[in-house]
Structure formats: C-alpha cells, structure tokens
Amino acid sequence: IQDADGFGFALVEEGEVRAAVCARLD
C-alpha cells in the first residue's frame, strides 16, 4: 500500500477500526 502496488479498506464500527483488508491486481 505504501508503494501504491496494492490497495486496502478498513471497516469501522462504533468509531473503531475492527477489520482491514489489502489486495492487488495481478
């Protein structure tokens, strides 16, 4: 993600980050 070779999403519930995912296209 830092090198912009992948991307991610964070799931927030009640103001807290409770899950995260990172992926990239081949």
mmCIF file of all heavy atoms, coordinates in Angstrom:
data_MODEL
# 
_entry.id   MODEL 
# 
loop_
_atom_site.group_PDB 
_atom_site.id 
_atom_site.type_symbol 
_atom_site.label_atom_id 
_atom_site.label_alt_id 
_atom_site.label_comp_id 
_atom_site.label_asym_id 
_atom_site.label_entity_id 
_atom_site.label_seq_id 
_atom_site.pdbx_PDB_ins_code 
_atom_site.Cartn_x 
_atom_site.Cartn_y 
_atom_site.Cartn_z 
_atom_site.occupancy 
_atom_site.B_iso_or_equiv 
_atom_site.pdbx_formal_charge 
_atom_site.auth_seq_id 
_atom_site.auth_comp_id 
_atom_site.auth_asym_id 
_atom_site.auth_atom_id 
_atom_site.pdbx_PDB_model_num 
ATOM 1   N N   . ILE A 1 1  ? 0.833   -1.203  0.000   1.00 0.00 ? 1  ILE A N   1 
ATOM 2   C CA  . ILE A 1 1  ? 0.000   0.000   0.000   1.00 0.00 ? 1  ILE A CA  1 
ATOM 3   C C   . ILE A 1 1  ? 0.867   1.252   0.000   1.00 0.00 ? 1  ILE A C   1 
ATOM 4   O O   . ILE A 1 1  ? 0.583   2.222   -0.706  1.00 0.00 ? 1  ILE A O   1 
ATOM 5   C CB  . ILE A 1 1  ? -0.959  -0.010  1.201   1.00 0.00 ? 1  ILE A CB  1 
ATOM 6   C CG1 . ILE A 1 1  ? -1.968  -1.166  1.067   1.00 0.00 ? 1  ILE A CG1 1 
ATOM 7   C CG2 . ILE A 1 1  ? -1.716  1.318   1.300   1.00 0.00 ? 1  ILE A CG2 1 
ATOM 8   C CD1 . ILE A 1 1  ? -2.865  -1.350  2.273   1.00 0.00 ? 1  ILE A CD1 1 
ATOM 9   N N   . GLN A 1 2  ? 1.941   1.233   0.775   1.00 0.00 ? 2  GLN A N   1 
ATOM 10  C CA  . GLN A 1 2  ? 2.834   2.387   0.824   1.00 0.00 ? 2  GLN A CA  1 
ATOM 11  C C   . GLN A 1 2  ? 3.455   2.674   -0.538  1.00 0.00 ? 2  GLN A C   1 
ATOM 12  O O   . GLN A 1 2  ? 3.670   3.827   -0.913  1.00 0.00 ? 2  GLN A O   1 
ATOM 13  C CB  . GLN A 1 2  ? 3.930   2.161   1.863   1.00 0.00 ? 2  GLN A CB  1 
ATOM 14  C CG  . GLN A 1 2  ? 3.453   2.258   3.299   1.00 0.00 ? 2  GLN A CG  1 
ATOM 15  C CD  . GLN A 1 2  ? 4.532   1.905   4.295   1.00 0.00 ? 2  GLN A CD  1 
ATOM 16  O OE1 . GLN A 1 2  ? 5.437   1.128   4.012   1.00 0.00 ? 2  GLN A OE1 1 
ATOM 17  N NE2 . GLN A 1 2  ? 4.443   2.475   5.490   1.00 0.00 ? 2  GLN A NE2 1 
ATOM 18  N N   . ASP A 1 3  ? 3.740   1.619   -1.300  1.00 0.00 ? 3  ASP A N   1 
ATOM 19  C CA  . ASP A 1 3  ? 4.352   1.779   -2.616  1.00 0.00 ? 3  ASP A CA  1 
ATOM 20  C C   . ASP A 1 3  ? 3.322   1.904   -3.727  1.00 0.00 ? 3  ASP A C   1 
ATOM 21  O O   . ASP A 1 3  ? 3.687   1.924   -4.915  1.00 0.00 ? 3  ASP A O   1 
ATOM 22  C CB  . ASP A 1 3  ? 5.273   0.590   -2.912  1.00 0.00 ? 3  ASP A CB  1 
ATOM 23  C CG  . ASP A 1 3  ? 6.455   0.521   -1.956  1.00 0.00 ? 3  ASP A CG  1 
ATOM 24  O OD1 . ASP A 1 3  ? 6.803   1.571   -1.382  1.00 0.00 ? 3  ASP A OD1 1 
ATOM 25  O OD2 . ASP A 1 3  ? 7.006   -0.579  -1.771  1.00 0.00 ? 3  ASP A OD2 1 
ATOM 26  N N   . ALA A 1 4  ? 2.034   1.972   -3.351  1.00 0.00 ? 4  ALA A N   1 
ATOM 27  C CA  . ALA A 1 4  ? 0.931   2.082   -4.317  1.00 0.00 ? 4  ALA A CA  1 
ATOM 28  C C   . ALA A 1 4  ? 0.859   0.872   -5.245  1.00 0.00 ? 4  ALA A C   1 
ATOM 29  O O   . ALA A 1 4  ? 0.312   0.968   -6.356  1.00 0.00 ? 4  ALA A O   1 
ATOM 30  C CB  . ALA A 1 4  ? 1.052   3.369   -5.122  1.00 0.00 ? 4  ALA A CB  1 
ATOM 31  N N   . ASP A 1 5  ? 1.387   -0.278  -4.802  1.00 0.00 ? 5  ASP A N   1 
ATOM 32  C CA  . ASP A 1 5  ? 1.269   -1.510  -5.577  1.00 0.00 ? 5  ASP A CA  1 
ATOM 33  C C   . ASP A 1 5  ? 0.075   -2.344  -5.131  1.00 0.00 ? 5  ASP A C   1 
ATOM 34  O O   . ASP A 1 5  ? -0.240  -3.368  -5.744  1.00 0.00 ? 5  ASP A O   1 
ATOM 35  C CB  . ASP A 1 5  ? 2.548   -2.341  -5.434  1.00 0.00 ? 5  ASP A CB  1 
ATOM 36  C CG  . ASP A 1 5  ? 3.747   -1.670  -6.086  1.00 0.00 ? 5  ASP A CG  1 
ATOM 37  O OD1 . ASP A 1 5  ? 3.549   -1.019  -7.132  1.00 0.00 ? 5  ASP A OD1 1 
ATOM 38  O OD2 . ASP A 1 5  ? 4.863   -1.788  -5.556  1.00 0.00 ? 5  ASP A OD2 1 
ATOM 39  N N   . GLY A 1 6  ? -0.566  -1.916  -4.059  1.00 0.00 ? 6  GLY A N   1 
ATOM 40  C CA  . GLY A 1 6  ? -1.747  -2.580  -3.551  1.00 0.00 ? 6  GLY A CA  1 
ATOM 41  C C   . GLY A 1 6  ? -2.691  -1.542  -2.983  1.00 0.00 ? 6  GLY A C   1 
ATOM 42  O O   . GLY A 1 6  ? -2.369  -0.353  -2.916  1.00 0.00 ? 6  GLY A O   1 
ATOM 43  N N   . PHE A 1 7  ? -3.872  -1.966  -2.611  1.00 0.00 ? 7  PHE A N   1 
ATOM 44  C CA  . PHE A 1 7  ? -4.856  -1.044  -2.042  1.00 0.00 ? 7  PHE A CA  1 
ATOM 45  C C   . PHE A 1 7  ? -5.607  -1.768  -0.930  1.00 0.00 ? 7  PHE A C   1 
ATOM 46  O O   . PHE A 1 7  ? -5.572  -2.999  -0.836  1.00 0.00 ? 7  PHE A O   1 
ATOM 47  C CB  . PHE A 1 7  ? -5.830  -0.548  -3.114  1.00 0.00 ? 7  PHE A CB  1 
ATOM 48  C CG  . PHE A 1 7  ? -6.533  -1.649  -3.863  1.00 0.00 ? 7  PHE A CG  1 
ATOM 49  C CD1 . PHE A 1 7  ? -7.773  -2.099  -3.462  1.00 0.00 ? 7  PHE A CD1 1 
ATOM 50  C CD2 . PHE A 1 7  ? -5.943  -2.241  -4.978  1.00 0.00 ? 7  PHE A CD2 1 
ATOM 51  C CE1 . PHE A 1 7  ? -8.432  -3.111  -4.144  1.00 0.00 ? 7  PHE A CE1 1 
ATOM 52  C CE2 . PHE A 1 7  ? -6.586  -3.252  -5.675  1.00 0.00 ? 7  PHE A CE2 1 
ATOM 53  C CZ  . PHE A 1 7  ? -7.833  -3.686  -5.259  1.00 0.00 ? 7  PHE A CZ  1 
ATOM 54  N N   . GLY A 1 8  ? -6.239  -0.997  -0.076  1.00 0.00 ? 8  GLY A N   1 
ATOM 55  C CA  . GLY A 1 8  ? -6.918  -1.628  1.042   1.00 0.00 ? 8  GLY A CA  1 
ATOM 56  C C   . GLY A 1 8  ? -8.125  -0.867  1.517   1.00 0.00 ? 8  GLY A C   1 
ATOM 57  O O   . GLY A 1 8  ? -8.397  0.262   1.077   1.00 0.00 ? 8  GLY A O   1 
ATOM 58  N N   . PHE A 1 9  ? -8.860  -1.507  2.428   1.00 0.00 ? 9  PHE A N   1 
ATOM 59  C CA  . PHE A 1 9  ? -10.041 -0.900  3.033   1.00 0.00 ? 9  PHE A CA  1 
ATOM 60  C C   . PHE A 1 9  ? -10.065 -1.233  4.514   1.00 0.00 ? 9  PHE A C   1 
ATOM 61  O O   . PHE A 1 9  ? -9.617  -2.304  4.929   1.00 0.00 ? 9  PHE A O   1 
ATOM 62  C CB  . PHE A 1 9  ? -11.324 -1.417  2.370   1.00 0.00 ? 9  PHE A CB  1 
ATOM 63  C CG  . PHE A 1 9  ? -11.433 -1.085  0.914   1.00 0.00 ? 9  PHE A CG  1 
ATOM 64  C CD1 . PHE A 1 9  ? -11.108 -2.028  -0.045  1.00 0.00 ? 9  PHE A CD1 1 
ATOM 65  C CD2 . PHE A 1 9  ? -11.831 0.179   0.495   1.00 0.00 ? 9  PHE A CD2 1 
ATOM 66  C CE1 . PHE A 1 9  ? -11.183 -1.736  -1.390  1.00 0.00 ? 9  PHE A CE1 1 
ATOM 67  C CE2 . PHE A 1 9  ? -11.914 0.489   -0.846  1.00 0.00 ? 9  PHE A CE2 1 
ATOM 68  C CZ  . PHE A 1 9  ? -11.581 -0.472  -1.801  1.00 0.00 ? 9  PHE A CZ  1 
ATOM 69  N N   . ALA A 1 10 ? -10.574 -0.298  5.298   1.00 0.00 ? 10 ALA A N   1 
ATOM 70  C CA  . ALA A 1 10 ? -10.740 -0.502  6.735   1.00 0.00 ? 10 ALA A CA  1 
ATOM 71  C C   . ALA A 1 10 ? -12.222 -0.454  7.068   1.00 0.00 ? 10 ALA A C   1 
ATOM 72  O O   . ALA A 1 10 ? -12.963 0.366   6.521   1.00 0.00 ? 10 ALA A O   1 
ATOM 73  C CB  . ALA A 1 10 ? -9.996  0.574   7.517   1.00 0.00 ? 10 ALA A CB  1 
ATOM 74  N N   . LEU A 1 11 ? -12.643 -1.349  7.944   1.00 0.00 ? 11 LEU A N   1 
ATOM 75  C CA  . LEU A 1 11 ? -14.033 -1.383  8.393   1.00 0.00 ? 11 LEU A CA  1 
ATOM 76  C C   . LEU A 1 11 ? -14.095 -0.771  9.790   1.00 0.00 ? 11 LEU A C   1 
ATOM 77  O O   . LEU A 1 11 ? -13.370 -1.195  10.692  1.00 0.00 ? 11 LEU A O   1 
ATOM 78  C CB  . LEU A 1 11 ? -14.543 -2.821  8.402   1.00 0.00 ? 11 LEU A CB  1 
ATOM 79  C CG  . LEU A 1 11 ? -16.004 -3.027  8.812   1.00 0.00 ? 11 LEU A CG  1 
ATOM 80  C CD1 . LEU A 1 11 ? -16.608 -4.217  8.067   1.00 0.00 ? 11 LEU A CD1 1 
ATOM 81  C CD2 . LEU A 1 11 ? -16.127 -3.266  10.325  1.00 0.00 ? 11 LEU A CD2 1 
ATOM 82  N N   . VAL A 1 12 ? -14.940 0.226   9.942   1.00 0.00 ? 12 VAL A N   1 
ATOM 83  C CA  . VAL A 1 12 ? -15.076 0.936   11.210  1.00 0.00 ? 12 VAL A CA  1 
ATOM 84  C C   . VAL A 1 12 ? -16.489 0.756   11.744  1.00 0.00 ? 12 VAL A C   1 
ATOM 85  O O   . VAL A 1 12 ? -17.472 0.946   11.021  1.00 0.00 ? 12 VAL A O   1 
ATOM 86  C CB  . VAL A 1 12 ? -14.758 2.441   11.036  1.00 0.00 ? 12 VAL A CB  1 
ATOM 87  C CG1 . VAL A 1 12 ? -15.005 3.195   12.338  1.00 0.00 ? 12 VAL A CG1 1 
ATOM 88  C CG2 . VAL A 1 12 ? -13.312 2.631   10.572  1.00 0.00 ? 12 VAL A CG2 1 
ATOM 89  N N   . GLU A 1 13 ? -16.582 0.386   12.988  1.00 0.00 ? 13 GLU A N   1 
ATOM 90  C CA  . GLU A 1 13 ? -17.874 0.223   13.658  1.00 0.00 ? 13 GLU A CA  1 
ATOM 91  C C   . GLU A 1 13 ? -17.783 0.904   15.019  1.00 0.00 ? 13 GLU A C   1 
ATOM 92  O O   . GLU A 1 13 ? -16.810 0.693   15.760  1.00 0.00 ? 13 GLU A O   1 
ATOM 93  C CB  . GLU A 1 13 ? -18.202 -1.266  13.825  1.00 0.00 ? 13 GLU A CB  1 
ATOM 94  C CG  . GLU A 1 13 ? -19.581 -1.516  14.436  1.00 0.00 ? 13 GLU A CG  1 
ATOM 95  C CD  . GLU A 1 13 ? -19.840 -2.997  14.637  1.00 0.00 ? 13 GLU A CD  1 
ATOM 96  O OE1 . GLU A 1 13 ? -18.891 -3.719  14.997  1.00 0.00 ? 13 GLU A OE1 1 
ATOM 97  O OE2 . GLU A 1 13 ? -20.978 -3.429  14.448  1.00 0.00 ? 13 GLU A OE2 1 
ATOM 98  N N   . GLU A 1 14 ? -18.755 1.748   15.321  1.00 0.00 ? 14 GLU A N   1 
ATOM 99  C CA  . GLU A 1 14 ? -18.777 2.485   16.576  1.00 0.00 ? 14 GLU A CA  1 
ATOM 100 C C   . GLU A 1 14 ? -17.477 3.256   16.795  1.00 0.00 ? 14 GLU A C   1 
ATOM 101 O O   . GLU A 1 14 ? -16.950 3.330   17.907  1.00 0.00 ? 14 GLU A O   1 
ATOM 102 C CB  . GLU A 1 14 ? -19.042 1.535   17.749  1.00 0.00 ? 14 GLU A CB  1 
ATOM 103 C CG  . GLU A 1 14 ? -20.416 0.856   17.675  1.00 0.00 ? 14 GLU A CG  1 
ATOM 104 C CD  . GLU A 1 14 ? -20.682 -0.058  18.854  1.00 0.00 ? 14 GLU A CD  1 
ATOM 105 O OE1 . GLU A 1 14 ? -19.754 -0.247  19.670  1.00 0.00 ? 14 GLU A OE1 1 
ATOM 106 O OE2 . GLU A 1 14 ? -21.813 -0.566  18.969  1.00 0.00 ? 14 GLU A OE2 1 
ATOM 107 N N   . GLY A 1 15 ? -16.953 3.818   15.719  1.00 0.00 ? 15 GLY A N   1 
ATOM 108 C CA  . GLY A 1 15 ? -15.765 4.653   15.796  1.00 0.00 ? 15 GLY A CA  1 
ATOM 109 C C   . GLY A 1 15 ? -14.451 3.906   15.930  1.00 0.00 ? 15 GLY A C   1 
ATOM 110 O O   . GLY A 1 15 ? -13.405 4.533   16.099  1.00 0.00 ? 15 GLY A O   1 
ATOM 111 N N   . GLU A 1 16 ? -14.460 2.553   15.856  1.00 0.00 ? 16 GLU A N   1 
ATOM 112 C CA  . GLU A 1 16 ? -13.247 1.760   15.996  1.00 0.00 ? 16 GLU A CA  1 
ATOM 113 C C   . GLU A 1 16 ? -12.984 0.965   14.729  1.00 0.00 ? 16 GLU A C   1 
ATOM 114 O O   . GLU A 1 16 ? -13.909 0.440   14.107  1.00 0.00 ? 16 GLU A O   1 
ATOM 115 C CB  . GLU A 1 16 ? -13.373 0.779   17.170  1.00 0.00 ? 16 GLU A CB  1 
ATOM 116 C CG  . GLU A 1 16 ? -13.490 1.435   18.533  1.00 0.00 ? 16 GLU A CG  1 
ATOM 117 C CD  . GLU A 1 16 ? -13.539 0.402   19.649  1.00 0.00 ? 16 GLU A CD  1 
ATOM 118 O OE1 . GLU A 1 16 ? -13.388 -0.805  19.337  1.00 0.00 ? 16 GLU A OE1 1 
ATOM 119 O OE2 . GLU A 1 16 ? -13.729 0.784   20.802  1.00 0.00 ? 16 GLU A OE2 1 
ATOM 120 N N   . VAL A 1 17 ? -11.688 0.871   14.365  1.00 0.00 ? 17 VAL A N   1 
ATOM 121 C CA  . VAL A 1 17 ? -11.308 0.020   13.234  1.00 0.00 ? 17 VAL A CA  1 
ATOM 122 C C   . VAL A 1 17 ? -11.331 -1.423  13.721  1.00 0.00 ? 17 VAL A C   1 
ATOM 123 O O   . VAL A 1 17 ? -10.601 -1.792  14.635  1.00 0.00 ? 17 VAL A O   1 
ATOM 124 C CB  . VAL A 1 17 ? -9.892  0.371   12.725  1.00 0.00 ? 17 VAL A CB  1 
ATOM 125 C CG1 . VAL A 1 17 ? -9.526  -0.528  11.556  1.00 0.00 ? 17 VAL A CG1 1 
ATOM 126 C CG2 . VAL A 1 17 ? -9.821  1.826   12.303  1.00 0.00 ? 17 VAL A CG2 1 
ATOM 127 N N   . ARG A 1 18 ? -12.175 -2.232  13.094  1.00 0.00 ? 18 ARG A N   1 
ATOM 128 C CA  . ARG A 1 18 ? -12.340 -3.607  13.555  1.00 0.00 ? 18 ARG A CA  1 
ATOM 129 C C   . ARG A 1 18 ? -11.943 -4.650  12.516  1.00 0.00 ? 18 ARG A C   1 
ATOM 130 O O   . ARG A 1 18 ? -11.905 -5.841  12.826  1.00 0.00 ? 18 ARG A O   1 
ATOM 131 C CB  . ARG A 1 18 ? -13.782 -3.816  14.010  1.00 0.00 ? 18 ARG A CB  1 
ATOM 132 C CG  . ARG A 1 18 ? -14.082 -2.986  15.255  1.00 0.00 ? 18 ARG A CG  1 
ATOM 133 C CD  . ARG A 1 18 ? -15.463 -3.161  15.800  1.00 0.00 ? 18 ARG A CD  1 
ATOM 134 N NE  . ARG A 1 18 ? -15.604 -2.426  17.061  1.00 0.00 ? 18 ARG A NE  1 
ATOM 135 C CZ  . ARG A 1 18 ? -16.747 -2.272  17.713  1.00 0.00 ? 18 ARG A CZ  1 
ATOM 136 N NH1 . ARG A 1 18 ? -17.868 -2.776  17.217  1.00 0.00 ? 18 ARG A NH1 1 
ATOM 137 N NH2 . ARG A 1 18 ? -16.777 -1.608  18.849  1.00 0.00 ? 18 ARG A NH2 1 
ATOM 138 N N   . ALA A 1 19 ? -11.639 -4.202  11.302  1.00 0.00 ? 19 ALA A N   1 
ATOM 139 C CA  . ALA A 1 19 ? -11.191 -5.138  10.277  1.00 0.00 ? 19 ALA A CA  1 
ATOM 140 C C   . ALA A 1 19 ? -10.476 -4.357  9.179   1.00 0.00 ? 19 ALA A C   1 
ATOM 141 O O   . ALA A 1 19 ? -10.732 -3.165  8.975   1.00 0.00 ? 19 ALA A O   1 
ATOM 142 C CB  . ALA A 1 19 ? -12.367 -5.916  9.689   1.00 0.00 ? 19 ALA A CB  1 
ATOM 143 N N   . ALA A 1 20 ? -9.553  -5.034  8.502   1.00 0.00 ? 20 ALA A N   1 
ATOM 144 C CA  . ALA A 1 20 ? -8.831  -4.393  7.402   1.00 0.00 ? 20 ALA A CA  1 
ATOM 145 C C   . ALA A 1 20 ? -8.490  -5.443  6.358   1.00 0.00 ? 20 ALA A C   1 
ATOM 146 O O   . ALA A 1 20 ? -8.302  -6.629  6.680   1.00 0.00 ? 20 ALA A O   1 
ATOM 147 C CB  . ALA A 1 20 ? -7.556  -3.708  7.905   1.00 0.00 ? 20 ALA A CB  1 
ATOM 148 N N   . VAL A 1 21 ? -8.395  -5.012  5.111   1.00 0.00 ? 21 VAL A N   1 
ATOM 149 C CA  . VAL A 1 21 ? -8.065  -5.918  4.014   1.00 0.00 ? 21 VAL A CA  1 
ATOM 150 C C   . VAL A 1 21 ? -7.139  -5.195  3.048   1.00 0.00 ? 21 VAL A C   1 
ATOM 151 O O   . VAL A 1 21 ? -7.210  -3.976  2.882   1.00 0.00 ? 21 VAL A O   1 
ATOM 152 C CB  . VAL A 1 21 ? -9.343  -6.406  3.281   1.00 0.00 ? 21 VAL A CB  1 
ATOM 153 C CG1 . VAL A 1 21 ? -10.053 -5.242  2.582   1.00 0.00 ? 21 VAL A CG1 1 
ATOM 154 C CG2 . VAL A 1 21 ? -9.022  -7.506  2.285   1.00 0.00 ? 21 VAL A CG2 1 
ATOM 155 N N   . CYS A 1 22 ? -6.231  -5.951  2.448   1.00 0.00 ? 22 CYS A N   1 
ATOM 156 C CA  . CYS A 1 22 ? -5.338  -5.422  1.410   1.00 0.00 ? 22 CYS A CA  1 
ATOM 157 C C   . CYS A 1 22 ? -5.381  -6.375  0.226   1.00 0.00 ? 22 CYS A C   1 
ATOM 158 O O   . CYS A 1 22 ? -5.419  -7.603  0.401   1.00 0.00 ? 22 CYS A O   1 
ATOM 159 C CB  . CYS A 1 22 ? -3.910  -5.290  1.922   1.00 0.00 ? 22 CYS A CB  1 
ATOM 160 S SG  . CYS A 1 22 ? -2.678  -4.988  0.629   1.00 0.00 ? 22 CYS A SG  1 
ATOM 161 N N   . ALA A 1 23 ? -5.388  -5.829  -0.979  1.00 0.00 ? 23 ALA A N   1 
ATOM 162 C CA  . ALA A 1 23 ? -5.419  -6.652  -2.188  1.00 0.00 ? 23 ALA A CA  1 
ATOM 163 C C   . ALA A 1 23 ? -4.618  -5.973  -3.287  1.00 0.00 ? 23 ALA A C   1 
ATOM 164 O O   . ALA A 1 23 ? -4.258  -4.790  -3.186  1.00 0.00 ? 23 ALA A O   1 
ATOM 165 C CB  . ALA A 1 23 ? -6.857  -6.880  -2.645  1.00 0.00 ? 23 ALA A CB  1 
ATOM 166 N N   . ARG A 1 24 ? -4.325  -6.723  -4.337  1.00 0.00 ? 24 ARG A N   1 
ATOM 167 C CA  . ARG A 1 24 ? -3.670  -6.151  -5.503  1.00 0.00 ? 24 ARG A CA  1 
ATOM 168 C C   . ARG A 1 24 ? -4.109  -6.915  -6.751  1.00 0.00 ? 24 ARG A C   1 
ATOM 169 O O   . ARG A 1 24 ? -4.443  -8.106  -6.678  1.00 0.00 ? 24 ARG A O   1 
ATOM 170 C CB  . ARG A 1 24 ? -2.148  -6.221  -5.375  1.00 0.00 ? 24 ARG A CB  1 
ATOM 171 C CG  . ARG A 1 24 ? -1.579  -7.641  -5.361  1.00 0.00 ? 24 ARG A CG  1 
ATOM 172 C CD  . ARG A 1 24 ? -0.073  -7.626  -5.285  1.00 0.00 ? 24 ARG A CD  1 
ATOM 173 N NE  . ARG A 1 24 ? 0.459   -8.982  -5.074  1.00 0.00 ? 24 ARG A NE  1 
ATOM 174 C CZ  . ARG A 1 24 ? 1.734   -9.246  -4.825  1.00 0.00 ? 24 ARG A CZ  1 
ATOM 175 N NH1 . ARG A 1 24 ? 2.606   -8.247  -4.742  1.00 0.00 ? 24 ARG A NH1 1 
ATOM 176 N NH2 . ARG A 1 24 ? 2.138   -10.490 -4.645  1.00 0.00 ? 24 ARG A NH2 1 
ATOM 177 N N   . LEU A 1 25 ? -4.096  -6.234  -7.879  1.00 0.00 ? 25 LEU A N   1 
ATOM 178 C CA  . LEU A 1 25 ? -4.394  -6.872  -9.152  1.00 0.00 ? 25 LEU A CA  1 
ATOM 179 C C   . LEU A 1 25 ? -3.135  -7.532  -9.684  1.00 0.00 ? 25 LEU A C   1 
ATOM 180 O O   . LEU A 1 25 ? -2.030  -6.999  -9.522  1.00 0.00 ? 25 LEU A O   1 
ATOM 181 C CB  . LEU A 1 25 ? -4.916  -5.847  -10.157 1.00 0.00 ? 25 LEU A CB  1 
ATOM 182 C CG  . LEU A 1 25 ? -6.308  -5.267  -9.840  1.00 0.00 ? 25 LEU A CG  1 
ATOM 183 C CD1 . LEU A 1 25 ? -6.607  -4.082  -10.749 1.00 0.00 ? 25 LEU A CD1 1 
ATOM 184 C CD2 . LEU A 1 25 ? -7.385  -6.334  -9.981  1.00 0.00 ? 25 LEU A CD2 1 
ATOM 185 N N   . ASP A 1 26 ? -3.277  -8.687  -10.303 1.00 0.00 ? 26 ASP A N   1 
ATOM 186 C CA  . ASP A 1 26 ? -2.145  -9.392  -10.881 1.00 0.00 ? 26 ASP A CA  1 
ATOM 187 C C   . ASP A 1 26 ? -1.474  -8.525  -11.944 1.00 0.00 ? 26 ASP A C   1 
ATOM 188 O O   . ASP A 1 26 ? -2.148  -7.967  -12.810 1.00 0.00 ? 26 ASP A O   1 
ATOM 189 C CB  . ASP A 1 26 ? -2.622  -10.709 -11.501 1.00 0.00 ? 26 ASP A CB  1 
ATOM 190 C CG  . ASP A 1 26 ? -1.468  -11.610 -11.895 1.00 0.00 ? 26 ASP A CG  1 
ATOM 191 O OD1 . ASP A 1 26 ? -0.697  -11.224 -12.797 1.00 0.00 ? 26 ASP A OD1 1 
ATOM 192 O OD2 . ASP A 1 26 ? -1.346  -12.698 -11.323 1.00 0.00 ? 26 ASP A OD2 1 
# 
